[in-house]
Amino acid sequence: MGTRIGLSLSRMSVLAGLAGCFVIVSYLTLYWDTNPPASLLTSNDPNQVDFYAEQTYGIKFDENGKHTQTFRSPRVTRYTMSGETVMTTPELQLLTRDGDRWNGVAHEGTLVGDNEVELRGNVVITNPDQAIQLKTEQLRYLTDRQEVTSDVAVIVHKGSDTTQAIGARADLNRNRIELLHRVEGNYVQP
C-alpha cells in the first residue's frame, strides 16, 4: 500500500507541475499579447510602410474656401521611419488666385508638411492657356504661395521659343518665371 501512495503522489506532483507550467505559459502568452516588447513595435527598416492608399484624388482649398489645387496619384505611401508621404506619378492641377490653371506631372512626388510638394523625375509644369511649359528633374511647389523653385537644369518652352538654365523660380499667380544661372535661349522670329 505504501507503494501506491508514493506512486499517486508522484503522479500528482507531475500533474501539478504540468498545471503550473500551463498557468505560467498562459499568463505569459496573454501578457505578451497585451504588452509586446518595444523592440517588436519599432523597426529600423526605412522602407516599412505606415499606410498606403490607391487611386487617390484630393482637392485643396485656401482659407477662404477657394479651390486652389487638385491632385491624383495611383498610389500614395507613407513610410514609418522617415515619415515621408510619397505619391507615385502624381498629376497636379494648380489654380491661381486669378483662375489661371497650371498642370504638373512627375515620376514621383513627396508631401512636405501641408504646404509643399517636392516633385522628382521628368517634371513638367504647363500653363495650357498661355502655351508655357517648364521641364526639369526636380522641383518644389509651395502651395500656399503658388510658387515653384528648382535648383537643377530647367527648360522653358513658350510657343516655338526654348530657354535653358540652371535653376528657376516661378510665381504662378503672376505667370512669371525667373531663370537663375547660365541662361541660354533659342528664339524663333515670327
N, C-alpha and C. Protein backbone atom coordinates (compact mmCIF):
# COMPACT_ATOMS: atom_id res chain seq x y z
N MET A 1 0.80 -1.18 0.00
CA MET A 1 0.00 0.00 0.00
C MET A 1 0.86 1.26 0.00
N GLY A 2 2.05 1.20 0.59
CA GLY A 2 2.96 2.34 0.60
C GLY A 2 3.42 2.68 -0.79
N THR A 3 3.55 1.71 -1.64
CA THR A 3 3.99 1.95 -2.99
C THR A 3 2.94 2.72 -3.78
N ARG A 4 1.70 2.36 -3.60
CA ARG A 4 0.64 3.04 -4.34
C ARG A 4 0.53 4.50 -3.94
N ILE A 5 0.69 4.82 -2.69
CA ILE A 5 0.60 6.20 -2.25
C ILE A 5 1.76 6.99 -2.84
N GLY A 6 2.99 6.44 -2.85
CA GLY A 6 4.15 7.10 -3.43
C GLY A 6 3.96 7.34 -4.92
N LEU A 7 3.39 6.35 -5.58
CA LEU A 7 3.15 6.47 -7.00
C LEU A 7 2.08 7.52 -7.27
N SER A 8 1.05 7.56 -6.45
CA SER A 8 -0.02 8.54 -6.61
C SER A 8 0.52 9.95 -6.33
N LEU A 9 1.37 10.09 -5.29
CA LEU A 9 1.96 11.40 -5.02
C LEU A 9 2.87 11.83 -6.15
N SER A 10 3.57 10.90 -6.76
CA SER A 10 4.45 11.21 -7.88
C SER A 10 3.63 11.68 -9.08
N ARG A 11 2.53 11.00 -9.36
CA ARG A 11 1.66 11.40 -10.47
C ARG A 11 1.04 12.77 -10.18
N MET A 12 0.64 12.96 -8.94
CA MET A 12 0.03 14.23 -8.58
C MET A 12 1.06 15.36 -8.69
N SER A 13 2.29 15.10 -8.35
CA SER A 13 3.34 16.11 -8.46
C SER A 13 3.57 16.48 -9.92
N VAL A 14 3.59 15.45 -10.76
CA VAL A 14 3.78 15.71 -12.20
C VAL A 14 2.61 16.49 -12.76
N LEU A 15 1.39 16.08 -12.39
CA LEU A 15 0.20 16.78 -12.88
C LEU A 15 0.17 18.22 -12.35
N ALA A 16 0.54 18.40 -11.09
CA ALA A 16 0.57 19.76 -10.53
C ALA A 16 1.64 20.60 -11.23
N GLY A 17 2.78 20.01 -11.52
CA GLY A 17 3.84 20.71 -12.24
C GLY A 17 3.40 21.11 -13.63
N LEU A 18 2.73 20.18 -14.33
CA LEU A 18 2.21 20.49 -15.68
C LEU A 18 1.15 21.59 -15.62
N ALA A 19 0.27 21.52 -14.63
CA ALA A 19 -0.76 22.55 -14.49
C ALA A 19 -0.12 23.90 -14.19
N GLY A 20 0.91 23.89 -13.34
CA GLY A 20 1.62 25.13 -13.04
C GLY A 20 2.28 25.71 -14.28
N CYS A 21 2.93 24.84 -15.07
CA CYS A 21 3.56 25.30 -16.33
C CYS A 21 2.51 25.86 -17.27
N PHE A 22 1.34 25.21 -17.36
CA PHE A 22 0.26 25.68 -18.23
C PHE A 22 -0.20 27.07 -17.80
N VAL A 23 -0.37 27.26 -16.49
CA VAL A 23 -0.80 28.57 -15.97
C VAL A 23 0.25 29.63 -16.28
N ILE A 24 1.52 29.34 -16.08
CA ILE A 24 2.59 30.31 -16.34
C ILE A 24 2.67 30.64 -17.83
N VAL A 25 2.61 29.62 -18.69
CA VAL A 25 2.67 29.85 -20.14
C VAL A 25 1.45 30.65 -20.59
N SER A 26 0.27 30.32 -20.06
CA SER A 26 -0.94 31.07 -20.43
C SER A 26 -0.82 32.53 -20.00
N TYR A 27 -0.34 32.77 -18.78
CA TYR A 27 -0.16 34.14 -18.30
C TYR A 27 0.82 34.90 -19.18
N LEU A 28 1.96 34.30 -19.49
CA LEU A 28 2.96 34.96 -20.32
C LEU A 28 2.44 35.23 -21.72
N THR A 29 1.66 34.29 -22.26
CA THR A 29 1.08 34.49 -23.60
C THR A 29 0.11 35.66 -23.59
N LEU A 30 -0.77 35.71 -22.61
CA LEU A 30 -1.72 36.82 -22.52
C LEU A 30 -0.99 38.14 -22.27
N TYR A 31 0.02 38.13 -21.40
CA TYR A 31 0.79 39.33 -21.13
C TYR A 31 1.50 39.80 -22.39
N TRP A 32 2.09 38.89 -23.15
CA TRP A 32 2.80 39.20 -24.39
C TRP A 32 1.86 39.84 -25.40
N ASP A 33 0.63 39.29 -25.51
CA ASP A 33 -0.33 39.83 -26.47
C ASP A 33 -0.73 41.26 -26.15
N THR A 34 -0.85 41.59 -24.86
CA THR A 34 -1.28 42.93 -24.49
C THR A 34 -0.10 43.88 -24.28
N ASN A 35 1.11 43.36 -24.08
CA ASN A 35 2.29 44.18 -23.83
C ASN A 35 3.48 43.66 -24.63
N PRO A 36 3.43 43.72 -25.96
CA PRO A 36 4.57 43.20 -26.72
C PRO A 36 5.82 44.03 -26.45
N PRO A 37 6.98 43.43 -26.54
CA PRO A 37 8.22 44.18 -26.31
C PRO A 37 8.34 45.34 -27.31
N ALA A 38 8.86 46.45 -26.84
CA ALA A 38 9.00 47.65 -27.67
C ALA A 38 9.84 47.36 -28.91
N SER A 39 10.78 46.45 -28.81
CA SER A 39 11.64 46.15 -29.96
C SER A 39 10.85 45.55 -31.11
N LEU A 40 9.71 44.92 -30.83
CA LEU A 40 8.88 44.38 -31.90
C LEU A 40 7.98 45.44 -32.52
N LEU A 41 7.71 46.50 -31.79
CA LEU A 41 6.83 47.55 -32.30
C LEU A 41 7.57 48.55 -33.18
N THR A 42 8.87 48.68 -33.01
CA THR A 42 9.64 49.61 -33.82
C THR A 42 10.50 48.82 -34.78
N SER A 43 10.75 49.43 -35.91
CA SER A 43 11.56 48.77 -36.92
C SER A 43 12.60 49.76 -37.42
N ASN A 44 13.73 49.25 -37.77
CA ASN A 44 14.78 50.09 -38.34
C ASN A 44 14.74 50.05 -39.86
N ASP A 45 13.73 49.44 -40.43
CA ASP A 45 13.60 49.33 -41.87
C ASP A 45 13.04 50.64 -42.43
N PRO A 46 13.87 51.40 -43.19
CA PRO A 46 13.38 52.69 -43.72
C PRO A 46 12.27 52.52 -44.75
N ASN A 47 12.09 51.32 -45.27
CA ASN A 47 11.06 51.09 -46.28
C ASN A 47 9.77 50.52 -45.68
N GLN A 48 9.67 50.46 -44.35
CA GLN A 48 8.46 49.94 -43.73
C GLN A 48 7.33 50.93 -43.97
N VAL A 49 6.22 50.45 -44.47
CA VAL A 49 5.07 51.28 -44.82
C VAL A 49 4.16 51.45 -43.62
N ASP A 50 3.84 52.70 -43.32
CA ASP A 50 2.90 53.01 -42.25
C ASP A 50 1.47 52.85 -42.78
N PHE A 51 1.20 53.45 -43.94
CA PHE A 51 -0.08 53.26 -44.62
C PHE A 51 0.09 53.57 -46.09
N TYR A 52 -0.87 53.14 -46.90
CA TYR A 52 -0.88 53.49 -48.32
C TYR A 52 -2.33 53.58 -48.79
N ALA A 53 -2.51 54.30 -49.88
CA ALA A 53 -3.82 54.42 -50.50
C ALA A 53 -3.63 54.32 -52.00
N GLU A 54 -4.58 53.70 -52.66
CA GLU A 54 -4.50 53.56 -54.12
C GLU A 54 -5.61 54.37 -54.77
N GLN A 55 -5.32 54.84 -56.00
CA GLN A 55 -6.25 55.65 -56.78
C GLN A 55 -6.73 56.86 -55.97
N THR A 56 -5.78 57.66 -55.51
CA THR A 56 -6.11 58.80 -54.66
C THR A 56 -6.46 60.04 -55.48
N TYR A 57 -7.31 60.83 -54.90
CA TYR A 57 -7.76 62.08 -55.51
C TYR A 57 -7.98 63.06 -54.36
N GLY A 58 -7.41 64.24 -54.47
CA GLY A 58 -7.58 65.22 -53.40
C GLY A 58 -7.80 66.61 -53.94
N ILE A 59 -8.51 67.41 -53.17
CA ILE A 59 -8.77 68.80 -53.51
C ILE A 59 -8.35 69.64 -52.32
N LYS A 60 -7.64 70.75 -52.60
CA LYS A 60 -7.21 71.65 -51.53
C LYS A 60 -7.88 73.00 -51.74
N PHE A 61 -8.32 73.57 -50.62
CA PHE A 61 -8.97 74.88 -50.64
C PHE A 61 -8.14 75.85 -49.79
N ASP A 62 -8.18 77.13 -50.13
CA ASP A 62 -7.48 78.12 -49.30
C ASP A 62 -8.34 78.48 -48.09
N GLU A 63 -7.86 79.43 -47.28
CA GLU A 63 -8.56 79.80 -46.05
C GLU A 63 -9.92 80.43 -46.31
N ASN A 64 -10.16 80.91 -47.55
CA ASN A 64 -11.45 81.49 -47.91
C ASN A 64 -12.40 80.49 -48.57
N GLY A 65 -11.94 79.25 -48.68
CA GLY A 65 -12.77 78.22 -49.29
C GLY A 65 -12.66 78.14 -50.80
N LYS A 66 -11.67 78.85 -51.38
CA LYS A 66 -11.49 78.83 -52.84
C LYS A 66 -10.64 77.62 -53.24
N HIS A 67 -11.08 76.93 -54.25
CA HIS A 67 -10.37 75.76 -54.78
C HIS A 67 -9.01 76.20 -55.34
N THR A 68 -7.91 75.63 -54.82
CA THR A 68 -6.58 76.03 -55.26
C THR A 68 -5.77 74.91 -55.89
N GLN A 69 -6.11 73.66 -55.60
CA GLN A 69 -5.28 72.56 -56.09
C GLN A 69 -6.08 71.27 -56.13
N THR A 70 -5.77 70.46 -57.12
CA THR A 70 -6.31 69.11 -57.24
C THR A 70 -5.14 68.19 -57.53
N PHE A 71 -5.12 67.01 -56.92
CA PHE A 71 -4.08 66.05 -57.26
C PHE A 71 -4.67 64.66 -57.40
N ARG A 72 -4.01 63.89 -58.25
CA ARG A 72 -4.35 62.48 -58.46
C ARG A 72 -3.05 61.69 -58.41
N SER A 73 -3.15 60.47 -57.90
CA SER A 73 -1.99 59.59 -57.87
C SER A 73 -2.48 58.15 -57.79
N PRO A 74 -1.89 57.25 -58.57
CA PRO A 74 -2.30 55.85 -58.47
C PRO A 74 -1.97 55.23 -57.12
N ARG A 75 -0.95 55.78 -56.42
CA ARG A 75 -0.59 55.23 -55.11
C ARG A 75 0.11 56.30 -54.27
N VAL A 76 -0.33 56.42 -53.02
CA VAL A 76 0.30 57.30 -52.04
C VAL A 76 0.74 56.41 -50.89
N THR A 77 2.03 56.50 -50.51
CA THR A 77 2.59 55.65 -49.47
C THR A 77 3.26 56.51 -48.41
N ARG A 78 2.99 56.20 -47.15
CA ARG A 78 3.68 56.89 -46.04
C ARG A 78 4.61 55.87 -45.38
N TYR A 79 5.90 56.29 -45.24
CA TYR A 79 6.91 55.41 -44.66
C TYR A 79 7.11 55.73 -43.19
N THR A 80 7.18 54.69 -42.37
CA THR A 80 7.24 54.82 -40.92
C THR A 80 8.47 55.57 -40.44
N MET A 81 9.66 55.13 -40.82
CA MET A 81 10.90 55.70 -40.29
C MET A 81 11.11 57.15 -40.70
N SER A 82 10.95 57.43 -41.99
CA SER A 82 11.23 58.78 -42.48
C SER A 82 10.04 59.72 -42.29
N GLY A 83 8.85 59.17 -42.16
CA GLY A 83 7.65 60.00 -42.06
C GLY A 83 7.26 60.61 -43.39
N GLU A 84 7.94 60.21 -44.49
CA GLU A 84 7.64 60.76 -45.82
C GLU A 84 6.35 60.18 -46.38
N THR A 85 5.61 61.03 -47.06
CA THR A 85 4.45 60.59 -47.81
C THR A 85 4.78 60.77 -49.28
N VAL A 86 4.85 59.66 -50.02
CA VAL A 86 5.31 59.66 -51.40
C VAL A 86 4.15 59.33 -52.34
N MET A 87 4.01 60.15 -53.39
CA MET A 87 2.99 59.93 -54.42
C MET A 87 3.67 59.36 -55.65
N THR A 88 3.10 58.32 -56.21
CA THR A 88 3.60 57.73 -57.45
C THR A 88 2.92 58.43 -58.63
N THR A 89 3.71 58.84 -59.61
CA THR A 89 3.25 59.55 -60.81
C THR A 89 2.10 60.52 -60.53
N PRO A 90 2.37 61.52 -59.69
CA PRO A 90 1.30 62.48 -59.35
C PRO A 90 0.95 63.37 -60.53
N GLU A 91 -0.31 63.75 -60.58
CA GLU A 91 -0.82 64.75 -61.53
C GLU A 91 -1.44 65.86 -60.70
N LEU A 92 -0.93 67.07 -60.86
CA LEU A 92 -1.43 68.21 -60.11
C LEU A 92 -2.12 69.20 -61.04
N GLN A 93 -3.18 69.80 -60.56
CA GLN A 93 -3.80 70.92 -61.25
C GLN A 93 -3.79 72.06 -60.24
N LEU A 94 -3.09 73.13 -60.58
CA LEU A 94 -2.89 74.25 -59.69
C LEU A 94 -3.70 75.43 -60.22
N LEU A 95 -4.53 76.00 -59.38
CA LEU A 95 -5.37 77.11 -59.79
C LEU A 95 -4.90 78.37 -59.06
N THR A 96 -4.53 79.41 -59.83
CA THR A 96 -4.04 80.65 -59.23
C THR A 96 -5.22 81.48 -58.74
N ARG A 97 -4.91 82.55 -58.03
CA ARG A 97 -5.98 83.40 -57.49
C ARG A 97 -6.78 84.08 -58.60
N ASP A 98 -6.17 84.23 -59.81
CA ASP A 98 -6.89 84.82 -60.94
C ASP A 98 -7.60 83.79 -61.80
N GLY A 99 -7.52 82.51 -61.40
CA GLY A 99 -8.21 81.46 -62.13
C GLY A 99 -7.37 80.81 -63.22
N ASP A 100 -6.10 81.23 -63.38
CA ASP A 100 -5.22 80.55 -64.34
C ASP A 100 -4.97 79.14 -63.86
N ARG A 101 -4.79 78.24 -64.82
CA ARG A 101 -4.59 76.83 -64.49
C ARG A 101 -3.19 76.40 -64.92
N TRP A 102 -2.48 75.76 -64.00
CA TRP A 102 -1.19 75.15 -64.29
C TRP A 102 -1.33 73.66 -64.00
N ASN A 103 -0.84 72.84 -64.90
CA ASN A 103 -0.87 71.39 -64.72
C ASN A 103 0.55 70.89 -64.48
N GLY A 104 0.70 69.95 -63.57
CA GLY A 104 2.01 69.39 -63.27
C GLY A 104 1.95 67.87 -63.23
N VAL A 105 2.99 67.24 -63.78
CA VAL A 105 3.14 65.79 -63.71
C VAL A 105 4.60 65.49 -63.36
N ALA A 106 4.83 64.33 -62.76
CA ALA A 106 6.19 63.92 -62.41
C ALA A 106 6.19 62.41 -62.21
N HIS A 107 7.39 61.87 -62.13
CA HIS A 107 7.54 60.45 -61.84
C HIS A 107 7.18 60.16 -60.39
N GLU A 108 7.54 61.09 -59.48
CA GLU A 108 7.30 60.88 -58.06
C GLU A 108 7.15 62.22 -57.36
N GLY A 109 6.37 62.24 -56.30
CA GLY A 109 6.21 63.44 -55.50
C GLY A 109 6.22 63.10 -54.03
N THR A 110 6.74 64.03 -53.22
CA THR A 110 6.77 63.85 -51.77
C THR A 110 6.08 65.04 -51.13
N LEU A 111 5.14 64.75 -50.23
CA LEU A 111 4.48 65.82 -49.48
C LEU A 111 5.38 66.25 -48.34
N VAL A 112 5.60 67.55 -48.23
CA VAL A 112 6.43 68.11 -47.15
C VAL A 112 5.51 69.03 -46.35
N GLY A 113 5.03 68.54 -45.23
CA GLY A 113 4.08 69.33 -44.44
C GLY A 113 2.78 69.51 -45.20
N ASP A 114 2.08 70.60 -44.88
CA ASP A 114 0.78 70.87 -45.50
C ASP A 114 0.88 71.75 -46.74
N ASN A 115 2.01 72.45 -46.92
CA ASN A 115 2.07 73.47 -47.97
C ASN A 115 3.22 73.32 -48.94
N GLU A 116 3.76 72.12 -49.08
CA GLU A 116 4.87 71.95 -50.01
C GLU A 116 4.84 70.54 -50.61
N VAL A 117 5.16 70.48 -51.91
CA VAL A 117 5.27 69.22 -52.62
C VAL A 117 6.59 69.23 -53.37
N GLU A 118 7.40 68.20 -53.19
CA GLU A 118 8.63 68.03 -53.97
C GLU A 118 8.32 67.05 -55.10
N LEU A 119 8.60 67.48 -56.33
CA LEU A 119 8.39 66.62 -57.49
C LEU A 119 9.75 66.22 -58.04
N ARG A 120 9.89 64.95 -58.44
CA ARG A 120 11.15 64.43 -58.96
C ARG A 120 10.89 63.53 -60.16
N GLY A 121 11.85 63.59 -61.09
CA GLY A 121 11.82 62.70 -62.25
C GLY A 121 10.86 63.14 -63.34
N ASN A 122 11.41 63.66 -64.42
CA ASN A 122 10.61 64.07 -65.58
C ASN A 122 9.44 64.97 -65.17
N VAL A 123 9.76 66.06 -64.48
CA VAL A 123 8.74 67.00 -64.01
C VAL A 123 8.38 67.95 -65.15
N VAL A 124 7.09 68.10 -65.40
CA VAL A 124 6.60 69.01 -66.43
C VAL A 124 5.45 69.83 -65.84
N ILE A 125 5.61 71.16 -65.87
CA ILE A 125 4.57 72.09 -65.41
C ILE A 125 4.15 72.90 -66.63
N THR A 126 2.85 72.94 -66.92
CA THR A 126 2.37 73.66 -68.10
C THR A 126 1.22 74.60 -67.75
N ASN A 127 1.16 75.69 -68.51
CA ASN A 127 0.00 76.58 -68.49
C ASN A 127 -0.57 76.49 -69.90
N PRO A 128 -1.61 75.67 -70.11
CA PRO A 128 -2.11 75.46 -71.46
C PRO A 128 -2.70 76.71 -72.11
N ASP A 129 -3.23 77.63 -71.31
CA ASP A 129 -3.82 78.84 -71.87
C ASP A 129 -2.77 79.78 -72.45
N GLN A 130 -1.56 79.79 -71.88
CA GLN A 130 -0.50 80.68 -72.35
C GLN A 130 0.60 79.94 -73.09
N ALA A 131 0.42 78.66 -73.32
CA ALA A 131 1.38 77.82 -74.04
C ALA A 131 2.79 77.89 -73.43
N ILE A 132 2.86 77.85 -72.08
CA ILE A 132 4.14 77.84 -71.37
C ILE A 132 4.34 76.44 -70.79
N GLN A 133 5.56 75.93 -70.93
CA GLN A 133 5.89 74.63 -70.36
C GLN A 133 7.27 74.71 -69.72
N LEU A 134 7.39 74.22 -68.49
CA LEU A 134 8.66 74.18 -67.78
C LEU A 134 8.98 72.71 -67.50
N LYS A 135 10.19 72.27 -67.90
CA LYS A 135 10.62 70.88 -67.69
C LYS A 135 11.87 70.87 -66.82
N THR A 136 11.93 69.92 -65.89
CA THR A 136 13.10 69.76 -65.04
C THR A 136 13.07 68.38 -64.42
N GLU A 137 14.10 68.04 -63.65
CA GLU A 137 14.15 66.75 -62.97
C GLU A 137 13.76 66.86 -61.50
N GLN A 138 13.72 68.09 -60.99
CA GLN A 138 13.39 68.26 -59.57
C GLN A 138 12.79 69.64 -59.37
N LEU A 139 11.71 69.72 -58.57
CA LEU A 139 11.00 70.97 -58.41
C LEU A 139 10.29 70.97 -57.05
N ARG A 140 10.26 72.12 -56.41
CA ARG A 140 9.49 72.28 -55.16
C ARG A 140 8.32 73.20 -55.46
N TYR A 141 7.14 72.78 -55.04
CA TYR A 141 5.94 73.58 -55.24
C TYR A 141 5.42 74.01 -53.86
N LEU A 142 5.39 75.33 -53.63
CA LEU A 142 4.90 75.89 -52.37
C LEU A 142 3.43 76.26 -52.59
N THR A 143 2.54 75.41 -52.09
CA THR A 143 1.12 75.52 -52.41
C THR A 143 0.48 76.79 -51.87
N ASP A 144 0.86 77.23 -50.68
CA ASP A 144 0.21 78.40 -50.10
C ASP A 144 0.59 79.69 -50.81
N ARG A 145 1.76 79.73 -51.44
CA ARG A 145 2.20 80.93 -52.16
C ARG A 145 2.10 80.78 -53.68
N GLN A 146 1.73 79.60 -54.16
CA GLN A 146 1.64 79.33 -55.60
C GLN A 146 2.97 79.62 -56.29
N GLU A 147 4.06 79.12 -55.70
CA GLU A 147 5.41 79.32 -56.26
C GLU A 147 6.07 77.97 -56.48
N VAL A 148 6.93 77.92 -57.50
CA VAL A 148 7.74 76.73 -57.75
C VAL A 148 9.20 77.17 -57.81
N THR A 149 10.08 76.29 -57.34
CA THR A 149 11.51 76.56 -57.41
C THR A 149 12.23 75.29 -57.83
N SER A 150 13.36 75.48 -58.52
CA SER A 150 14.20 74.37 -58.91
C SER A 150 15.65 74.84 -58.87
N ASP A 151 16.54 73.96 -58.39
CA ASP A 151 17.97 74.28 -58.34
C ASP A 151 18.75 73.55 -59.41
N VAL A 152 18.08 72.77 -60.23
CA VAL A 152 18.76 71.98 -61.26
C VAL A 152 18.39 72.53 -62.64
N ALA A 153 18.88 71.87 -63.69
CA ALA A 153 18.63 72.31 -65.06
C ALA A 153 17.12 72.37 -65.36
N VAL A 154 16.72 73.46 -66.04
CA VAL A 154 15.33 73.62 -66.45
C VAL A 154 15.30 74.01 -67.93
N ILE A 155 14.21 73.66 -68.57
CA ILE A 155 13.95 74.07 -69.96
C ILE A 155 12.56 74.68 -69.98
N VAL A 156 12.45 75.88 -70.52
CA VAL A 156 11.17 76.57 -70.63
C VAL A 156 10.83 76.70 -72.11
N HIS A 157 9.63 76.25 -72.47
CA HIS A 157 9.11 76.39 -73.83
C HIS A 157 7.95 77.38 -73.78
N LYS A 158 7.97 78.35 -74.67
CA LYS A 158 6.84 79.26 -74.84
C LYS A 158 6.62 79.37 -76.33
N GLY A 159 5.58 78.74 -76.79
CA GLY A 159 5.38 78.67 -78.23
C GLY A 159 6.54 77.93 -78.88
N SER A 160 7.20 78.56 -79.86
CA SER A 160 8.35 77.95 -80.54
C SER A 160 9.68 78.30 -79.88
N ASP A 161 9.67 79.17 -78.86
CA ASP A 161 10.89 79.59 -78.20
C ASP A 161 11.27 78.60 -77.08
N THR A 162 12.59 78.39 -76.95
CA THR A 162 13.11 77.49 -75.91
C THR A 162 14.22 78.19 -75.16
N THR A 163 14.17 78.13 -73.83
CA THR A 163 15.20 78.71 -72.98
C THR A 163 15.63 77.67 -71.97
N GLN A 164 16.96 77.55 -71.79
CA GLN A 164 17.51 76.61 -70.83
C GLN A 164 18.26 77.38 -69.77
N ALA A 165 18.30 76.83 -68.54
CA ALA A 165 19.02 77.49 -67.44
C ALA A 165 19.28 76.48 -66.34
N ILE A 166 20.08 76.91 -65.40
CA ILE A 166 20.27 76.14 -64.18
C ILE A 166 19.52 76.89 -63.09
N GLY A 167 18.47 76.30 -62.59
CA GLY A 167 17.67 76.89 -61.53
C GLY A 167 16.61 77.84 -62.04
N ALA A 168 15.48 77.85 -61.34
CA ALA A 168 14.38 78.74 -61.70
C ALA A 168 13.49 78.97 -60.49
N ARG A 169 12.82 80.12 -60.51
CA ARG A 169 11.77 80.44 -59.55
C ARG A 169 10.59 80.93 -60.36
N ALA A 170 9.41 80.50 -59.99
CA ALA A 170 8.23 80.94 -60.72
C ALA A 170 7.12 81.32 -59.75
N ASP A 171 6.49 82.44 -60.04
CA ASP A 171 5.30 82.88 -59.31
C ASP A 171 4.12 82.59 -60.24
N LEU A 172 3.38 81.53 -59.93
CA LEU A 172 2.30 81.11 -60.82
C LEU A 172 1.16 82.11 -60.83
N ASN A 173 0.94 82.83 -59.72
CA ASN A 173 -0.11 83.84 -59.68
C ASN A 173 0.14 84.96 -60.67
N ARG A 174 1.41 85.27 -60.91
CA ARG A 174 1.77 86.36 -61.82
C ARG A 174 2.25 85.85 -63.18
N ASN A 175 2.23 84.54 -63.41
CA ASN A 175 2.72 83.94 -64.66
C ASN A 175 4.13 84.43 -64.95
N ARG A 176 4.98 84.46 -63.93
CA ARG A 176 6.33 84.96 -64.08
C ARG A 176 7.32 83.87 -63.72
N ILE A 177 8.27 83.61 -64.62
CA ILE A 177 9.33 82.63 -64.39
C ILE A 177 10.66 83.35 -64.45
N GLU A 178 11.46 83.20 -63.40
CA GLU A 178 12.78 83.80 -63.33
C GLU A 178 13.81 82.68 -63.46
N LEU A 179 14.67 82.78 -64.48
CA LEU A 179 15.73 81.79 -64.68
C LEU A 179 16.98 82.30 -63.98
N LEU A 180 17.69 81.43 -63.26
CA LEU A 180 18.71 81.89 -62.33
C LEU A 180 20.14 81.91 -62.87
N HIS A 181 20.64 80.85 -63.49
CA HIS A 181 22.05 80.79 -63.87
C HIS A 181 22.20 80.19 -65.27
N ARG A 182 23.28 80.57 -65.94
CA ARG A 182 23.65 80.04 -67.26
C ARG A 182 22.45 79.92 -68.20
N VAL A 183 21.83 81.04 -68.45
CA VAL A 183 20.63 81.09 -69.27
C VAL A 183 21.02 81.13 -70.75
N GLU A 184 20.45 80.25 -71.54
CA GLU A 184 20.66 80.21 -73.00
C GLU A 184 19.30 80.01 -73.65
N GLY A 185 19.11 80.67 -74.81
CA GLY A 185 17.82 80.54 -75.46
C GLY A 185 17.90 80.45 -76.95
N ASN A 186 16.87 79.86 -77.53
CA ASN A 186 16.65 79.81 -78.99
C ASN A 186 15.28 80.40 -79.24
N TYR A 187 15.26 81.48 -80.01
CA TYR A 187 14.01 82.18 -80.26
C TYR A 187 13.72 82.19 -81.74
N VAL A 188 12.47 81.95 -82.09
CA VAL A 188 12.05 81.88 -83.49
C VAL A 188 11.39 83.21 -83.86
N GLN A 189 11.89 83.84 -84.93
CA GLN A 189 11.29 85.08 -85.42
C GLN A 189 9.97 84.77 -86.09
N PRO A 190 8.96 85.58 -85.82
CA PRO A 190 7.65 85.35 -86.48
C PRO A 190 7.68 85.69 -87.94
